[in-house]
N, C-alpha and C. Protein backbone atom coordinates (compact mmCIF):
# COMPACT_ATOMS: atom_id res chain seq x y z
N MET A 1 0.83 -1.21 0.00
CA MET A 1 0.00 0.00 0.00
C MET A 1 0.87 1.26 0.00
N ILE A 2 1.88 1.25 0.93
CA ILE A 2 2.79 2.39 1.02
C ILE A 2 3.56 2.55 -0.29
N TYR A 3 3.92 1.41 -0.89
CA TYR A 3 4.67 1.44 -2.16
C TYR A 3 3.85 2.12 -3.26
N TYR A 4 2.56 1.79 -3.33
CA TYR A 4 1.70 2.39 -4.35
C TYR A 4 1.49 3.88 -4.11
N GLN A 5 1.42 4.27 -2.84
CA GLN A 5 1.28 5.69 -2.54
C GLN A 5 2.52 6.48 -2.97
N ARG A 6 3.72 5.87 -2.68
CA ARG A 6 4.97 6.53 -3.09
C ARG A 6 5.05 6.61 -4.62
N LEU A 7 4.62 5.54 -5.27
CA LEU A 7 4.65 5.52 -6.73
C LEU A 7 3.71 6.58 -7.32
N LYS A 8 2.56 6.71 -6.66
CA LYS A 8 1.58 7.70 -7.11
C LYS A 8 2.12 9.11 -6.95
N LYS A 9 2.82 9.34 -5.79
CA LYS A 9 3.41 10.66 -5.56
C LYS A 9 4.49 10.98 -6.60
N LYS A 10 5.31 9.94 -6.89
CA LYS A 10 6.37 10.14 -7.89
C LYS A 10 5.77 10.51 -9.24
N ARG A 11 4.71 9.82 -9.61
CA ARG A 11 4.04 10.14 -10.88
C ARG A 11 3.47 11.55 -10.87
N PHE A 12 2.91 11.92 -9.73
CA PHE A 12 2.32 13.25 -9.61
C PHE A 12 3.39 14.33 -9.78
N TYR A 13 4.53 14.14 -9.06
CA TYR A 13 5.61 15.12 -9.16
C TYR A 13 6.23 15.14 -10.55
N ARG A 14 6.30 13.97 -11.19
CA ARG A 14 6.83 13.90 -12.54
C ARG A 14 5.93 14.66 -13.52
N LEU A 15 4.62 14.42 -13.38
CA LEU A 15 3.67 15.14 -14.23
C LEU A 15 3.68 16.64 -13.96
N LYS A 16 3.87 16.96 -12.67
CA LYS A 16 3.93 18.37 -12.30
C LYS A 16 5.14 19.05 -12.94
N ARG A 17 6.31 18.34 -12.89
CA ARG A 17 7.51 18.89 -13.50
C ARG A 17 7.34 19.03 -15.02
N LEU A 18 6.72 18.02 -15.63
CA LEU A 18 6.49 18.07 -17.07
C LEU A 18 5.56 19.23 -17.44
N PHE A 19 4.55 19.43 -16.61
CA PHE A 19 3.62 20.53 -16.85
C PHE A 19 4.33 21.87 -16.73
N ILE A 20 5.19 22.01 -15.70
CA ILE A 20 5.92 23.27 -15.52
C ILE A 20 6.86 23.50 -16.71
N VAL A 21 7.54 22.43 -17.15
CA VAL A 21 8.43 22.54 -18.31
C VAL A 21 7.64 22.95 -19.55
N PHE A 22 6.47 22.34 -19.72
CA PHE A 22 5.62 22.65 -20.87
C PHE A 22 5.20 24.13 -20.85
N VAL A 23 4.79 24.60 -19.66
CA VAL A 23 4.37 26.00 -19.52
C VAL A 23 5.54 26.93 -19.81
N LEU A 24 6.73 26.59 -19.31
CA LEU A 24 7.92 27.41 -19.56
C LEU A 24 8.27 27.46 -21.04
N ILE A 25 8.10 26.32 -21.72
CA ILE A 25 8.36 26.26 -23.16
C ILE A 25 7.39 27.18 -23.91
N ILE A 26 6.10 27.11 -23.52
CA ILE A 26 5.09 27.97 -24.16
C ILE A 26 5.40 29.44 -23.93
N ILE A 27 5.76 29.80 -22.69
CA ILE A 27 6.07 31.19 -22.38
C ILE A 27 7.30 31.65 -23.17
N SER A 28 8.31 30.77 -23.22
CA SER A 28 9.53 31.11 -23.98
C SER A 28 9.21 31.31 -25.46
N ALA A 29 8.36 30.43 -26.00
CA ALA A 29 8.00 30.53 -27.41
C ALA A 29 7.26 31.84 -27.68
N VAL A 30 6.35 32.21 -26.77
CA VAL A 30 5.61 33.46 -26.93
C VAL A 30 6.55 34.65 -26.88
N LEU A 31 7.50 34.64 -25.94
CA LEU A 31 8.45 35.75 -25.81
C LEU A 31 9.35 35.85 -27.05
N ILE A 32 9.76 34.70 -27.56
CA ILE A 32 10.60 34.69 -28.77
C ILE A 32 9.83 35.24 -29.96
N CYS A 33 8.57 34.77 -30.09
CA CYS A 33 7.72 35.24 -31.18
C CYS A 33 7.47 36.74 -31.08
N GLU A 34 7.26 37.21 -29.84
CA GLU A 34 7.01 38.64 -29.64
C GLU A 34 8.25 39.45 -30.03
N HIS A 35 9.42 38.93 -29.67
CA HIS A 35 10.66 39.62 -30.04
C HIS A 35 10.84 39.62 -31.55
N GLN A 36 10.59 38.46 -32.16
CA GLN A 36 10.70 38.37 -33.61
C GLN A 36 9.67 39.27 -34.29
N LEU A 37 8.50 39.34 -33.70
CA LEU A 37 7.42 40.14 -34.27
C LEU A 37 7.78 41.61 -34.31
N ASP A 38 8.47 42.10 -33.27
CA ASP A 38 8.86 43.50 -33.23
C ASP A 38 9.73 43.87 -34.42
N ASP A 39 10.60 42.94 -34.83
CA ASP A 39 11.49 43.19 -35.97
C ASP A 39 10.80 42.88 -37.30
N PHE A 40 9.95 41.87 -37.27
CA PHE A 40 9.37 41.35 -38.51
C PHE A 40 8.15 42.14 -38.97
N ARG A 41 7.36 42.61 -38.02
CA ARG A 41 6.07 43.25 -38.32
C ARG A 41 6.20 44.47 -39.23
N PRO A 42 7.09 45.42 -38.94
CA PRO A 42 7.18 46.60 -39.83
C PRO A 42 7.52 46.22 -41.27
N VAL A 43 8.45 45.28 -41.44
CA VAL A 43 8.85 44.86 -42.79
C VAL A 43 7.68 44.19 -43.50
N TYR A 44 6.97 43.33 -42.78
CA TYR A 44 5.86 42.58 -43.38
C TYR A 44 4.70 43.52 -43.73
N ILE A 45 4.38 44.43 -42.82
CA ILE A 45 3.29 45.38 -43.07
C ILE A 45 3.63 46.26 -44.27
N ARG A 46 4.87 46.75 -44.32
CA ARG A 46 5.27 47.60 -45.45
C ARG A 46 5.13 46.84 -46.77
N LYS A 47 5.58 45.60 -46.78
CA LYS A 47 5.52 44.82 -48.02
C LYS A 47 4.08 44.57 -48.44
N GLN A 48 3.23 44.20 -47.49
CA GLN A 48 1.83 43.94 -47.81
C GLN A 48 1.12 45.23 -48.25
N ALA A 49 1.43 46.33 -47.60
CA ALA A 49 0.84 47.62 -47.98
C ALA A 49 1.28 48.02 -49.38
N GLU A 50 2.53 47.75 -49.70
CA GLU A 50 3.06 48.06 -51.03
C GLU A 50 2.35 47.24 -52.11
N ILE A 51 2.20 45.95 -51.86
CA ILE A 51 1.53 45.07 -52.82
C ILE A 51 0.07 45.49 -52.99
N LEU A 52 -0.60 45.72 -51.87
CA LEU A 52 -2.01 46.07 -51.89
C LEU A 52 -2.25 47.41 -52.60
N SER A 53 -1.44 48.41 -52.28
CA SER A 53 -1.63 49.73 -52.88
C SER A 53 -1.30 49.72 -54.37
N MET A 54 -0.23 49.04 -54.77
CA MET A 54 0.14 48.98 -56.18
C MET A 54 -0.93 48.25 -56.99
N THR A 55 -1.44 47.15 -56.45
CA THR A 55 -2.49 46.40 -57.14
C THR A 55 -3.74 47.24 -57.28
N THR A 56 -4.11 47.96 -56.22
CA THR A 56 -5.31 48.80 -56.24
C THR A 56 -5.19 49.94 -57.24
N VAL A 57 -4.03 50.60 -57.25
CA VAL A 57 -3.81 51.71 -58.19
C VAL A 57 -3.87 51.21 -59.63
N CYS A 58 -3.18 50.11 -59.92
CA CYS A 58 -3.16 49.57 -61.28
C CYS A 58 -4.56 49.16 -61.74
N ASP A 59 -5.30 48.50 -60.88
CA ASP A 59 -6.66 48.07 -61.23
C ASP A 59 -7.57 49.28 -61.47
N ALA A 60 -7.43 50.29 -60.62
CA ALA A 60 -8.28 51.49 -60.76
C ALA A 60 -7.98 52.21 -62.07
N VAL A 61 -6.71 52.36 -62.41
CA VAL A 61 -6.33 53.05 -63.65
C VAL A 61 -6.78 52.26 -64.87
N GLU A 62 -6.55 50.96 -64.85
CA GLU A 62 -6.95 50.13 -65.99
C GLU A 62 -8.46 50.14 -66.20
N ASP A 63 -9.21 50.13 -65.11
CA ASP A 63 -10.68 50.20 -65.23
C ASP A 63 -11.12 51.53 -65.82
N ALA A 64 -10.47 52.62 -65.38
CA ALA A 64 -10.83 53.95 -65.89
C ALA A 64 -10.47 54.08 -67.37
N ILE A 65 -9.31 53.58 -67.75
CA ILE A 65 -8.89 53.64 -69.16
C ILE A 65 -9.85 52.84 -70.04
N GLU A 66 -10.22 51.66 -69.54
CA GLU A 66 -11.16 50.83 -70.30
C GLU A 66 -12.52 51.51 -70.44
N GLU A 67 -12.96 52.18 -69.38
CA GLU A 67 -14.25 52.87 -69.42
C GLU A 67 -14.22 54.06 -70.37
N LEU A 68 -13.13 54.84 -70.37
CA LEU A 68 -13.01 55.99 -71.26
C LEU A 68 -12.91 55.54 -72.72
N ASN A 69 -12.14 54.47 -72.93
CA ASN A 69 -12.05 53.85 -74.26
C ASN A 69 -11.65 54.85 -75.35
N TYR A 70 -10.64 55.67 -75.08
CA TYR A 70 -10.17 56.63 -76.07
C TYR A 70 -9.21 55.97 -77.05
N SER A 71 -9.35 56.31 -78.31
CA SER A 71 -8.40 55.86 -79.32
C SER A 71 -7.36 56.96 -79.54
N TYR A 72 -6.37 56.67 -80.36
CA TYR A 72 -5.35 57.68 -80.64
C TYR A 72 -5.97 58.92 -81.26
N ASN A 73 -6.89 58.72 -82.19
CA ASN A 73 -7.52 59.86 -82.88
C ASN A 73 -8.38 60.72 -81.96
N ASP A 74 -8.79 60.16 -80.83
CA ASP A 74 -9.54 60.95 -79.85
C ASP A 74 -8.62 61.92 -79.11
N LEU A 75 -7.33 61.56 -79.01
CA LEU A 75 -6.40 62.34 -78.20
C LEU A 75 -5.45 63.21 -79.00
N ALA A 76 -5.16 62.81 -80.22
CA ALA A 76 -4.17 63.55 -81.01
C ALA A 76 -4.52 63.52 -82.50
N VAL A 77 -4.09 64.56 -83.20
CA VAL A 77 -4.29 64.66 -84.64
C VAL A 77 -2.95 65.00 -85.29
N ILE A 78 -2.56 64.23 -86.28
CA ILE A 78 -1.31 64.48 -86.99
C ILE A 78 -1.58 65.43 -88.16
N LYS A 79 -0.85 66.54 -88.21
CA LYS A 79 -1.01 67.52 -89.27
C LYS A 79 0.05 67.29 -90.35
N TYR A 80 -0.40 67.20 -91.59
CA TYR A 80 0.52 66.98 -92.71
C TYR A 80 0.55 68.23 -93.61
N SER A 81 1.68 68.40 -94.27
CA SER A 81 1.80 69.48 -95.26
C SER A 81 1.20 69.01 -96.58
N ASN A 82 1.12 69.89 -97.53
CA ASN A 82 0.58 69.54 -98.85
C ASN A 82 1.39 68.45 -99.53
N SER A 83 2.68 68.40 -99.18
CA SER A 83 3.55 67.38 -99.78
C SER A 83 3.54 66.06 -99.01
N GLY A 84 2.74 66.00 -97.95
CA GLY A 84 2.62 64.76 -97.18
C GLY A 84 3.58 64.62 -96.03
N GLU A 85 4.34 65.67 -95.72
CA GLU A 85 5.27 65.61 -94.61
C GLU A 85 4.54 65.96 -93.30
N VAL A 86 5.00 65.31 -92.21
CA VAL A 86 4.41 65.57 -90.89
C VAL A 86 4.85 66.95 -90.43
N GLN A 87 3.90 67.81 -90.14
CA GLN A 87 4.21 69.17 -89.67
C GLN A 87 4.09 69.31 -88.16
N ALA A 88 3.07 68.71 -87.58
CA ALA A 88 2.85 68.84 -86.14
C ALA A 88 1.88 67.76 -85.66
N ILE A 89 1.87 67.57 -84.37
CA ILE A 89 0.91 66.67 -83.72
C ILE A 89 0.16 67.49 -82.68
N GLU A 90 -1.13 67.67 -82.89
CA GLU A 90 -1.94 68.46 -81.98
C GLU A 90 -2.73 67.53 -81.06
N THR A 91 -2.71 67.84 -79.78
CA THR A 91 -3.42 67.02 -78.80
C THR A 91 -4.65 67.75 -78.29
N ASP A 92 -5.63 66.97 -77.86
CA ASP A 92 -6.87 67.52 -77.33
C ASP A 92 -6.69 67.74 -75.83
N SER A 93 -6.40 68.98 -75.45
CA SER A 93 -6.10 69.28 -74.05
C SER A 93 -7.30 69.03 -73.14
N ILE A 94 -8.50 69.21 -73.65
CA ILE A 94 -9.70 68.99 -72.83
C ILE A 94 -9.80 67.51 -72.44
N LYS A 95 -9.60 66.64 -73.42
CA LYS A 95 -9.68 65.20 -73.11
C LYS A 95 -8.50 64.75 -72.26
N ILE A 96 -7.33 65.34 -72.50
CA ILE A 96 -6.15 65.02 -71.69
C ILE A 96 -6.42 65.35 -70.23
N ASN A 97 -6.95 66.55 -69.98
CA ASN A 97 -7.26 66.95 -68.60
C ASN A 97 -8.37 66.10 -68.01
N LYS A 98 -9.32 65.69 -68.84
CA LYS A 98 -10.41 64.83 -68.37
C LYS A 98 -9.87 63.48 -67.91
N ILE A 99 -8.95 62.92 -68.69
CA ILE A 99 -8.34 61.64 -68.32
C ILE A 99 -7.64 61.76 -66.97
N LYS A 100 -6.84 62.80 -66.81
CA LYS A 100 -6.10 62.98 -65.56
C LYS A 100 -7.04 63.13 -64.37
N SER A 101 -8.12 63.90 -64.56
CA SER A 101 -9.07 64.13 -63.47
C SER A 101 -9.82 62.86 -63.09
N ILE A 102 -10.33 62.16 -64.10
CA ILE A 102 -11.12 60.95 -63.84
C ILE A 102 -10.27 59.88 -63.18
N ILE A 103 -9.07 59.69 -63.68
CA ILE A 103 -8.21 58.64 -63.13
C ILE A 103 -7.76 58.98 -61.72
N SER A 104 -7.44 60.23 -61.46
CA SER A 104 -7.05 60.63 -60.10
C SER A 104 -8.17 60.35 -59.10
N LYS A 105 -9.41 60.71 -59.47
CA LYS A 105 -10.55 60.47 -58.59
C LYS A 105 -10.83 58.98 -58.41
N GLN A 106 -10.68 58.22 -59.50
CA GLN A 106 -10.92 56.78 -59.41
C GLN A 106 -9.91 56.11 -58.48
N VAL A 107 -8.65 56.50 -58.60
CA VAL A 107 -7.62 55.92 -57.74
C VAL A 107 -7.87 56.28 -56.29
N GLU A 108 -8.23 57.53 -56.03
CA GLU A 108 -8.51 57.97 -54.66
C GLU A 108 -9.68 57.18 -54.06
N ARG A 109 -10.72 56.95 -54.86
CA ARG A 109 -11.88 56.19 -54.37
C ARG A 109 -11.48 54.76 -54.01
N GLU A 110 -10.68 54.14 -54.87
CA GLU A 110 -10.30 52.75 -54.63
C GLU A 110 -9.37 52.61 -53.42
N ILE A 111 -8.48 53.58 -53.24
CA ILE A 111 -7.60 53.56 -52.07
C ILE A 111 -8.41 53.76 -50.79
N GLU A 112 -9.47 54.57 -50.88
CA GLU A 112 -10.33 54.79 -49.72
C GLU A 112 -11.01 53.49 -49.29
N VAL A 113 -11.33 52.64 -50.26
CA VAL A 113 -11.98 51.36 -49.96
C VAL A 113 -11.09 50.48 -49.08
N ILE A 114 -9.77 50.53 -49.32
CA ILE A 114 -8.84 49.68 -48.56
C ILE A 114 -8.14 50.48 -47.46
N ARG A 115 -8.71 51.63 -47.10
CA ARG A 115 -8.07 52.52 -46.11
C ARG A 115 -7.73 51.77 -44.83
N GLU A 116 -8.67 50.99 -44.32
CA GLU A 116 -8.41 50.18 -43.13
C GLU A 116 -8.24 48.73 -43.59
N SER A 117 -7.02 48.22 -43.47
CA SER A 117 -6.71 46.88 -43.97
C SER A 117 -6.18 46.00 -42.85
N GLU A 118 -6.19 44.72 -43.12
CA GLU A 118 -5.72 43.73 -42.15
C GLU A 118 -4.79 42.76 -42.84
N VAL A 119 -3.72 42.41 -42.16
CA VAL A 119 -2.79 41.42 -42.69
C VAL A 119 -2.64 40.32 -41.64
N LYS A 120 -2.59 39.09 -42.10
CA LYS A 120 -2.44 37.94 -41.20
C LYS A 120 -1.08 37.28 -41.44
N ILE A 121 -0.32 37.14 -40.36
CA ILE A 121 1.02 36.59 -40.46
C ILE A 121 1.05 35.22 -39.80
N PRO A 122 1.36 34.15 -40.54
CA PRO A 122 1.51 32.82 -39.93
C PRO A 122 2.72 32.81 -38.99
N ILE A 123 2.61 32.09 -37.89
CA ILE A 123 3.72 32.00 -36.94
C ILE A 123 4.99 31.53 -37.63
N GLY A 124 4.83 30.62 -38.60
CA GLY A 124 6.00 30.08 -39.29
C GLY A 124 6.82 31.12 -40.02
N ALA A 125 6.21 32.26 -40.33
CA ALA A 125 6.94 33.32 -41.05
C ALA A 125 8.05 33.90 -40.19
N PHE A 126 7.89 33.83 -38.86
CA PHE A 126 8.89 34.40 -37.97
C PHE A 126 10.20 33.61 -37.98
N THR A 127 10.15 32.38 -38.46
CA THR A 127 11.34 31.54 -38.48
C THR A 127 12.30 31.91 -39.60
N TYR A 128 11.80 32.66 -40.59
CA TYR A 128 12.57 33.02 -41.78
C TYR A 128 12.99 31.78 -42.58
N ILE A 129 12.28 30.68 -42.34
CA ILE A 129 12.52 29.45 -43.10
C ILE A 129 11.40 29.33 -44.13
N THR A 130 11.75 29.27 -45.40
CA THR A 130 10.77 29.34 -46.47
C THR A 130 9.70 28.27 -46.36
N VAL A 131 10.10 27.02 -46.09
CA VAL A 131 9.13 25.91 -46.06
C VAL A 131 8.16 26.03 -44.89
N LEU A 132 8.51 26.84 -43.89
CA LEU A 132 7.64 26.99 -42.72
C LEU A 132 6.86 28.30 -42.74
N SER A 133 7.10 29.12 -43.75
CA SER A 133 6.55 30.48 -43.73
C SER A 133 5.03 30.55 -43.74
N ASN A 134 4.35 29.50 -44.22
CA ASN A 134 2.89 29.52 -44.29
C ASN A 134 2.23 28.60 -43.27
N PHE A 135 3.03 28.12 -42.31
CA PHE A 135 2.49 27.18 -41.32
C PHE A 135 2.28 27.86 -39.97
N GLY A 136 1.35 27.28 -39.21
CA GLY A 136 1.11 27.75 -37.86
C GLY A 136 -0.07 28.70 -37.76
N PRO A 137 -0.49 28.99 -36.53
CA PRO A 137 -1.60 29.94 -36.31
C PRO A 137 -1.25 31.30 -36.89
N GLU A 138 -2.28 32.07 -37.23
CA GLU A 138 -2.06 33.38 -37.84
C GLU A 138 -2.31 34.50 -36.83
N ILE A 139 -1.46 35.52 -36.90
CA ILE A 139 -1.61 36.69 -36.06
C ILE A 139 -2.12 37.84 -36.94
N SER A 140 -3.23 38.44 -36.56
CA SER A 140 -3.83 39.52 -37.35
C SER A 140 -3.29 40.87 -36.90
N MET A 141 -2.97 41.71 -37.89
CA MET A 141 -2.50 43.06 -37.60
C MET A 141 -3.21 44.05 -38.53
N ASN A 142 -3.66 45.14 -37.99
CA ASN A 142 -4.37 46.15 -38.76
C ASN A 142 -3.44 47.31 -39.11
N PHE A 143 -3.66 47.89 -40.27
CA PHE A 143 -2.92 49.08 -40.66
C PHE A 143 -3.79 49.96 -41.55
N SER A 144 -3.43 51.22 -41.63
CA SER A 144 -4.20 52.19 -42.42
C SER A 144 -3.38 52.66 -43.62
N ILE A 145 -4.09 52.92 -44.73
CA ILE A 145 -3.46 53.39 -45.95
C ILE A 145 -4.14 54.68 -46.41
N ILE A 146 -3.35 55.71 -46.64
CA ILE A 146 -3.85 56.92 -47.28
C ILE A 146 -2.82 57.32 -48.34
N GLY A 147 -3.27 58.06 -49.34
CA GLY A 147 -2.33 58.36 -50.40
C GLY A 147 -2.63 59.64 -51.15
N THR A 148 -1.61 60.16 -51.82
CA THR A 148 -1.76 61.27 -52.75
C THR A 148 -1.24 60.81 -54.11
N PHE A 149 -1.83 61.34 -55.17
CA PHE A 149 -1.52 60.84 -56.51
C PHE A 149 -1.34 62.00 -57.49
N ASN A 150 -0.40 61.80 -58.38
CA ASN A 150 -0.16 62.78 -59.43
C ASN A 150 -0.18 62.08 -60.78
N CYS A 151 -0.98 62.61 -61.70
CA CYS A 151 -1.09 62.02 -63.04
C CYS A 151 -0.46 62.94 -64.06
N GLU A 152 0.33 62.36 -64.94
CA GLU A 152 0.96 63.12 -66.02
C GLU A 152 0.84 62.31 -67.30
N ILE A 153 0.53 62.98 -68.37
CA ILE A 153 0.44 62.30 -69.67
C ILE A 153 1.61 62.76 -70.53
N ILE A 154 2.38 61.80 -71.02
CA ILE A 154 3.57 62.12 -71.79
C ILE A 154 3.48 61.52 -73.19
N SER A 155 4.31 62.07 -74.07
CA SER A 155 4.38 61.62 -75.44
C SER A 155 5.79 61.10 -75.70
N THR A 156 5.93 59.90 -76.22
CA THR A 156 7.24 59.37 -76.56
C THR A 156 7.22 58.84 -77.99
N PHE A 157 8.39 58.87 -78.61
CA PHE A 157 8.50 58.39 -79.99
C PHE A 157 9.55 57.28 -80.05
N GLU A 158 9.15 56.16 -80.62
CA GLU A 158 10.03 55.00 -80.73
C GLU A 158 10.35 54.76 -82.21
N SER A 159 11.64 54.86 -82.51
CA SER A 159 12.06 54.66 -83.90
C SER A 159 11.93 53.18 -84.27
N THR A 160 11.27 52.92 -85.41
CA THR A 160 11.08 51.53 -85.84
C THR A 160 11.67 51.27 -87.22
N GLY A 161 12.37 52.25 -87.76
CA GLY A 161 12.96 52.07 -89.08
C GLY A 161 13.30 53.42 -89.69
N ILE A 162 13.73 53.38 -90.93
CA ILE A 162 14.07 54.62 -91.63
C ILE A 162 12.81 55.45 -91.87
N ASN A 163 12.84 56.67 -91.32
CA ASN A 163 11.73 57.60 -91.52
C ASN A 163 10.39 57.07 -91.00
N GLN A 164 10.45 56.25 -89.95
CA GLN A 164 9.22 55.67 -89.40
C GLN A 164 9.36 55.55 -87.89
N SER A 165 8.31 55.91 -87.17
CA SER A 165 8.35 55.83 -85.70
C SER A 165 6.96 55.56 -85.15
N ILE A 166 6.93 55.10 -83.91
CA ILE A 166 5.65 54.88 -83.22
C ILE A 166 5.48 55.98 -82.18
N HIS A 167 4.34 56.64 -82.24
CA HIS A 167 4.02 57.68 -81.26
C HIS A 167 3.21 57.05 -80.14
N HIS A 168 3.75 57.08 -78.93
CA HIS A 168 3.06 56.54 -77.75
C HIS A 168 2.52 57.70 -76.92
N ILE A 169 1.29 57.58 -76.49
CA ILE A 169 0.73 58.50 -75.51
C ILE A 169 0.54 57.70 -74.23
N LYS A 170 1.26 58.09 -73.19
CA LYS A 170 1.28 57.31 -71.96
C LYS A 170 0.83 58.13 -70.76
N LEU A 171 0.24 57.43 -69.81
CA LEU A 171 -0.15 58.03 -68.55
C LEU A 171 0.85 57.59 -67.48
N ILE A 172 1.40 58.54 -66.77
CA ILE A 172 2.33 58.26 -65.67
C ILE A 172 1.63 58.62 -64.36
N VAL A 173 1.48 57.64 -63.49
CA VAL A 173 0.84 57.87 -62.19
C VAL A 173 1.89 57.71 -61.09
N THR A 174 2.12 58.77 -60.35
CA THR A 174 3.03 58.72 -59.22
C THR A 174 2.21 58.69 -57.93
N SER A 175 2.42 57.67 -57.14
CA SER A 175 1.63 57.47 -55.91
C SER A 175 2.53 57.60 -54.69
N LYS A 176 2.06 58.34 -53.71
CA LYS A 176 2.73 58.42 -52.42
C LYS A 176 1.77 57.89 -51.37
N ILE A 177 2.07 56.71 -50.86
CA ILE A 177 1.18 56.03 -49.92
C ILE A 177 1.77 56.09 -48.52
N MET A 178 0.97 56.54 -47.59
CA MET A 178 1.39 56.54 -46.18
C MET A 178 0.70 55.39 -45.46
N THR A 179 1.50 54.56 -44.83
CA THR A 179 1.00 53.40 -44.10
C THR A 179 1.26 53.57 -42.62
N THR A 180 0.25 53.37 -41.81
CA THR A 180 0.41 53.50 -40.35
C THR A 180 -0.24 52.32 -39.65
N SER A 181 0.38 51.90 -38.56
CA SER A 181 -0.19 50.90 -37.67
C SER A 181 0.22 51.29 -36.25
N LEU A 182 -0.03 50.41 -35.28
CA LEU A 182 0.27 50.74 -33.89
C LEU A 182 1.76 51.00 -33.68
N ASP A 183 2.61 50.26 -34.39
CA ASP A 183 4.04 50.40 -34.16
C ASP A 183 4.83 50.62 -35.45
N TYR A 184 4.15 51.12 -36.49
CA TYR A 184 4.86 51.36 -37.74
C TYR A 184 4.23 52.54 -38.48
N SER A 185 5.08 53.33 -39.09
CA SER A 185 4.62 54.42 -39.95
C SER A 185 5.67 54.64 -41.02
N GLY A 186 5.22 54.70 -42.27
CA GLY A 186 6.18 54.88 -43.34
C GLY A 186 5.50 55.24 -44.64
N ASP A 187 6.30 55.79 -45.56
CA ASP A 187 5.79 56.19 -46.87
C ASP A 187 6.30 55.24 -47.95
N ILE A 188 5.44 54.99 -48.92
CA ILE A 188 5.79 54.19 -50.08
C ILE A 188 5.54 55.05 -51.31
N VAL A 189 6.55 55.24 -52.12
CA VAL A 189 6.41 56.03 -53.34
C VAL A 189 6.72 55.14 -54.54
N PHE A 190 5.80 55.09 -55.49
CA PHE A 190 6.04 54.29 -56.69
C PHE A 190 5.39 54.96 -57.89
N THR A 191 5.95 54.69 -59.05
CA THR A 191 5.46 55.26 -60.30
C THR A 191 5.10 54.13 -61.26
N THR A 192 3.94 54.24 -61.87
CA THR A 192 3.50 53.24 -62.84
C THR A 192 3.09 53.96 -64.12
N ASP A 193 3.35 53.33 -65.26
CA ASP A 193 2.97 53.95 -66.53
C ASP A 193 2.01 53.04 -67.29
N PHE A 194 1.12 53.67 -68.04
CA PHE A 194 0.08 52.96 -68.77
C PHE A 194 -0.01 53.53 -70.19
N GLU A 195 -0.15 52.64 -71.15
CA GLU A 195 -0.30 53.05 -72.55
C GLU A 195 -1.75 53.47 -72.79
N LEU A 196 -1.93 54.72 -73.22
CA LEU A 196 -3.27 55.20 -73.55
C LEU A 196 -3.59 54.96 -75.02
N ALA A 197 -2.63 55.24 -75.88
CA ALA A 197 -2.85 55.07 -77.33
C ALA A 197 -1.51 55.12 -78.03
N GLN A 198 -1.48 54.63 -79.27
CA GLN A 198 -0.28 54.70 -80.08
C GLN A 198 -0.64 54.64 -81.56
N THR A 199 0.26 55.14 -82.38
CA THR A 199 0.07 55.06 -83.82
C THR A 199 1.42 55.09 -84.50
N VAL A 200 1.48 54.58 -85.72
CA VAL A 200 2.71 54.59 -86.50
C VAL A 200 2.74 55.86 -87.35
N ILE A 201 3.85 56.60 -87.29
CA ILE A 201 4.01 57.81 -88.07
C ILE A 201 5.04 57.57 -89.16
N ILE A 202 4.67 57.83 -90.39
CA ILE A 202 5.58 57.74 -91.52
C ILE A 202 6.10 59.14 -91.82
N GLY A 203 7.39 59.33 -91.71
CA GLY A 203 7.97 60.64 -91.94
C GLY A 203 8.75 61.10 -90.73
N ALA A 204 9.48 62.19 -90.90
CA ALA A 204 10.28 62.73 -89.80
C ALA A 204 9.38 63.25 -88.69
N VAL A 205 9.77 62.98 -87.45
CA VAL A 205 9.00 63.47 -86.30
C VAL A 205 9.22 64.96 -86.16
N PRO A 206 8.16 65.75 -86.09
CA PRO A 206 8.32 67.21 -85.99
C PRO A 206 8.84 67.62 -84.62
N ASN A 207 9.35 68.83 -84.55
CA ASN A 207 9.84 69.36 -83.28
C ASN A 207 8.71 69.74 -82.34
N TYR A 208 7.52 69.96 -82.88
CA TYR A 208 6.38 70.36 -82.07
C TYR A 208 5.46 69.17 -81.87
N TYR A 209 5.25 68.79 -80.60
CA TYR A 209 4.48 67.60 -80.30
C TYR A 209 3.12 67.91 -79.68
N GLY A 210 2.68 69.12 -79.67
CA GLY A 210 1.45 69.44 -78.95
C GLY A 210 1.77 69.80 -77.52
N LYS A 211 0.81 69.62 -76.62
CA LYS A 211 0.98 70.07 -75.24
C LYS A 211 1.44 68.96 -74.30
N LEU A 212 1.88 67.85 -74.85
CA LEU A 212 2.34 66.77 -73.99
C LEU A 212 3.84 66.87 -73.77
N THR A 213 4.29 66.35 -72.64
CA THR A 213 5.71 66.18 -72.42
C THR A 213 6.22 65.17 -73.43
N SER A 214 7.36 65.37 -74.00
CA SER A 214 7.82 64.49 -75.07
C SER A 214 9.16 63.87 -74.75
N GLY A 215 9.45 62.78 -75.45
CA GLY A 215 10.74 62.12 -75.30
C GLY A 215 11.00 61.21 -76.47
N ILE A 216 12.26 60.91 -76.73
CA ILE A 216 12.60 60.03 -77.84
C ILE A 216 13.28 58.80 -77.29
N ASN A 217 12.80 57.61 -77.70
CA ASN A 217 13.44 56.36 -77.31
C ASN A 217 14.28 55.83 -78.48
């Protein structure tokens, strides 16, 4: 009887020690994760905010361009001389300004939709081991996105042969995104360009390109 009581006590103390060790392991793991999180969270939030904002801006611009559905002839007219030489390229400033206004508003609206965002980080991501990066419980973190945008429409000419070039009309969107969370604040600046229209020009490119910024490739 006494032997069984001693054996029972030994088992109890063994289980107690195992339980204490288990609790210490859990606490240590939490502290390690918290330490890793302090270093990892700002980088992860910035990356996710960058991906989210860039995707949103690109989608908003592409939707607006598709809705406007302008062709080259809607935006520019090539003027020829009586002998057939290119004299000038005149652009429709009203439509150019309309494009810039509509796209700026569309981008602002779409960014407002994702103003309050959430990112979930798997525990495995803290290990910096690729195969474990998507494993384990997820920790949710909230962050806010606000932005300012500048739209510019430029004209570029790409030489494609003797006395022949392609006239590109492009939209350049420069975005400055501010991301904030409880322990992170930072700015993301990126520029994206979109083709609005293009046409092939036969003849020498004139020195006067209309009211667009110009460049030669």
